[in-house]
Every structure is written in C-alpha cells, then in structure tokens.
C-alpha cells in the first residue's frame, strides 16, 4: 500500500513525495529538500503548525495520505540528546544491565558516538572494542584458514537498522533525533572483507572525524608560538643589561650588606619602564568620592513631555515586526567585525588596584593574558608579589557582568579576549591569598611607582549660564492691537457697531 504527502516551502512551492508505512520522515524530508533545492540538515517538517518527530516512521507519525507538510527552517544551534547503547553479551562487563548512557550534541555522527563509548570517554570509564573487531575464518577455501575478517557494528534504532559505513556517517539530527532520549541496540555482523582492507576503508570514510581536531590545534598553536618567541626576545634584552650592572653594586656599597635586597629590585623596575610607557595615578586623598560632592538639580530627574514621547516612540518601534537578517548578512557582519578587530594594533589598559591606585599602559596585538598578569605582578610591592590575584573586565554587551581574564599564553588580549580602545581592569586578590593582603589597603604598588604617581584630575563641564529674559514693555495701543487685530479707531470717531447699515 503506497501513499503520498505534499511538502510546501515558504515560497509555496510543492513537492509530492511517495511514501510507504515503513518509510521514515527523515527520508521524506531528504527527498523533498533534494527536489526543492534545500539542505535537509537545516530544515524540518510541520503539520498543522506542530513540529513532527522526524525519527518516526510514516505509520507511527499519525499522518494520512495526502497530508500537507510545511518545510520550516530548523534551529542552527545543536541540542543535547541522551544516547543509550545496549551492548551485546560479549561487551556487558562493567555496564549495569548491559547498557551505557551519555549525552551528545545532535550534530554528532553515529560513528563518533561508538568511538567515544569505545574509548571510555563517554558512558563508563572502561575501554571496549566496538569498531575494529575481527573474527577468523575456518573455511580453507576462502584464501586460507584463520584469516581475519572484519565485523561491522550494526545499530538497531527503533525500526531502522544502520549497518554500513555510509549510514554510520549520519548525525543524530539527520536521523531525526534533535532532543530527548534514544536507545541503540548494538550487534556485530561478519563481512567478507579482510580486516586490513576494512581498516583502510575506515580511514578513508572517517578521515575528517579523526584528523579535524589536530588541525584546529595546530592552527591555534602557530600564533601562540610566535607570541611566545616575541615575549622571550623582549625578556632577553633587559636580562642582558641586568647582567652587566651588578659589578658596580659591590663597589658602591663595600661594607654594607643590608641594602642589597633593595638593590636587587631595581632591575625589575627598569624592565617595566623600558618595556612599556606607564602612567601611575595615586589613590584619592579624601574618603568621600568626588562624584558624591557634586551638586545636582533635582528637576533633572523629573521626566518631561519629551521623555514620554521618546518612550512611546520606542515602544511603537519595538512592537513592529523586524526582518531577520539573512545568512549572507550575518556572515558579512561577522566578517566585518573580524576585520575591525584585526585592525586594532594596541589598547590602553588601566588596572585599578584595591587601594584605588591606577596604572595605565599600552598593550599590543601580540600580548597575551599571561603577559598582562606578569606586568601587573611586576607593579606590586615585594610583600605582595608572590600572592595570587585575579583580573576581571566588564563585558561589552552586559556591563553589569564581569568576565575573568585567563592567565594563559594561548589567549591574545585583542584577538581572543576582545579588548578594544580604553579598557578598565579590576584587580582582586584570590581566595587562597594570605590574610594580610585583604587587611592591608595601602601601599600596594612598588615604592618606585608610588613616587612617580600623580593625582587624577577629573575636569567637570562648565555649568550652563542662565540667560535672564527681560519682559518687553507693551506700548499704549499694544493691548488693543492684540485683542483686535483689525486695527484701532481714532479718538472721537463713531464705533463700528453703532453705524447704521445700508438699506
């Protein structure tokens, strides 16, 4: 018994698909997308405004022959699917009830699911052999007794059987599993293919799954290696100067041994000044913030008619339907943002310490999170230099939330952490830091930096001058002129209303 369904896309184009009771909805979607020219992985089916479960067959979907299905765009973000794998008896050791469970993204292929269960990354921590099994042949006529032949994994998912390398390349979403739970029954089937030929074929089929992660790692490691090389060159230059200076220290202080620890800290200070041009601002001298000392006008906070009109206009604009950007527009916008970010060469970073002192320095495109932490550590006083701390920055999209800057050589400040323009970074001590650093709120910076600190001056905008409006003195006939724009009558003349009309 055959039936058919009609698939309609957003432009009212139709595709008639013949179906059988055992045909899955994913196959119907694939045929409809191939006829209409769409990618089946980016679309789904709806019937009477209800999303259809693509993992079901036509018999279990509740659809009738001639049903009209809507082709709708699916979500681009992968969802989580809980996968249960029912193992055969030979592989049930270490698995309760012979079943292992784990969660996977809906974009994961069936082969990768088996590989993760096999390596113990997913499910239990026990390793198994699920994808490279072989059995010996006992028939001597087939090229020699004892030759190993490949056993291919076979997955039974509801009424569907997956038993080929092509089907194992399909993702969970392509089989209709975008959310919820799915149970797969695993079995093995002997093939007539030798194990060595099967391994070569597996390497060709699943080459992208096995080699894609290393390629991504190498591409990320290249800029970090160059950044580390630049950091090493920058560190080697001050170290050469510091090695040439120590012979002059004993000559100046021949009999004193106490000042030696203080003198050993001078090269670190010179390295800071030689590497970057820094500006130091001292803490405020008053306990009351300067913003609290400014006078304000309470009438500025009373909403006016213009504010109400602006609020009403914003409400009207937000209630209108907005056209969503296309994929091409989104890609162009992302490309423009990447180009804008790549054009940034340096940023001004201001670090605010717990004692309200501030240090401003410039950082380039090759600087990483680790170099920022080392710079901040070099600014601390000797008693604080060995304590752990954190650096946080306010995110651009949500100013109320902060994100921690990682102390990593692989995270560039401009490219990866997205620092732009002038950035304020807050300094805070770690939880495992010593107790005295939380109690002591002054003299956080080195003495050399405190000596060159300057007061931060905030210029206030000039107050607007109120213009005194002088009221205009009306003339003797201005009141009458305003009341009667028709003009004024001459003194002694007869009023107009008293004149006799013409007969």
Foldseek 3Di string as FASTA:
>chain_A
DKFWEWEQEPVRDIDIDIFDQQAFQLVVLVVRCVVVVHDSLFKFKDAPNHGFQRLDGNNPRPDDGHGYIYIGTDDPDWDKEKEKEQEDPVPQPPPVVRIFIDIDTQQDFQVVVVVCVQCCVGGHNDHHDQAQDWDWACDCVLPGGGFTFGKHKWKDWPPDIDTDLVNRRGGNVSSRPRYYYTYIYIDIDTDPHGSVVVVVVVCVSCVCVVCVVVVVVVVLVVLLVVLVVVVVVLVVVLVVVVVVPVVVVCVVVVPDDVCVVVVVLVSLVVSLVVVWPKAKADADPDPDDPVVVDDDDPVVPDDDPVNVVVVVVVVVVVPDDDDDDDPVVVVVVVVVVLVVLVPDFKAWEWEQELLRMIMITIDGQSDALQNVVVSVLSFFAPVCSPFAKWKWFADPVHRVDIDTGDNDSSGTVRNHVNDDYYTYIYIGGDPPGDPVVVVDNDRGGYPVSVVNHHHDDDDDDDDDDDDDDDDDDDDPCVVVCVVPVVDDDDPPDDDPVPDDDDD
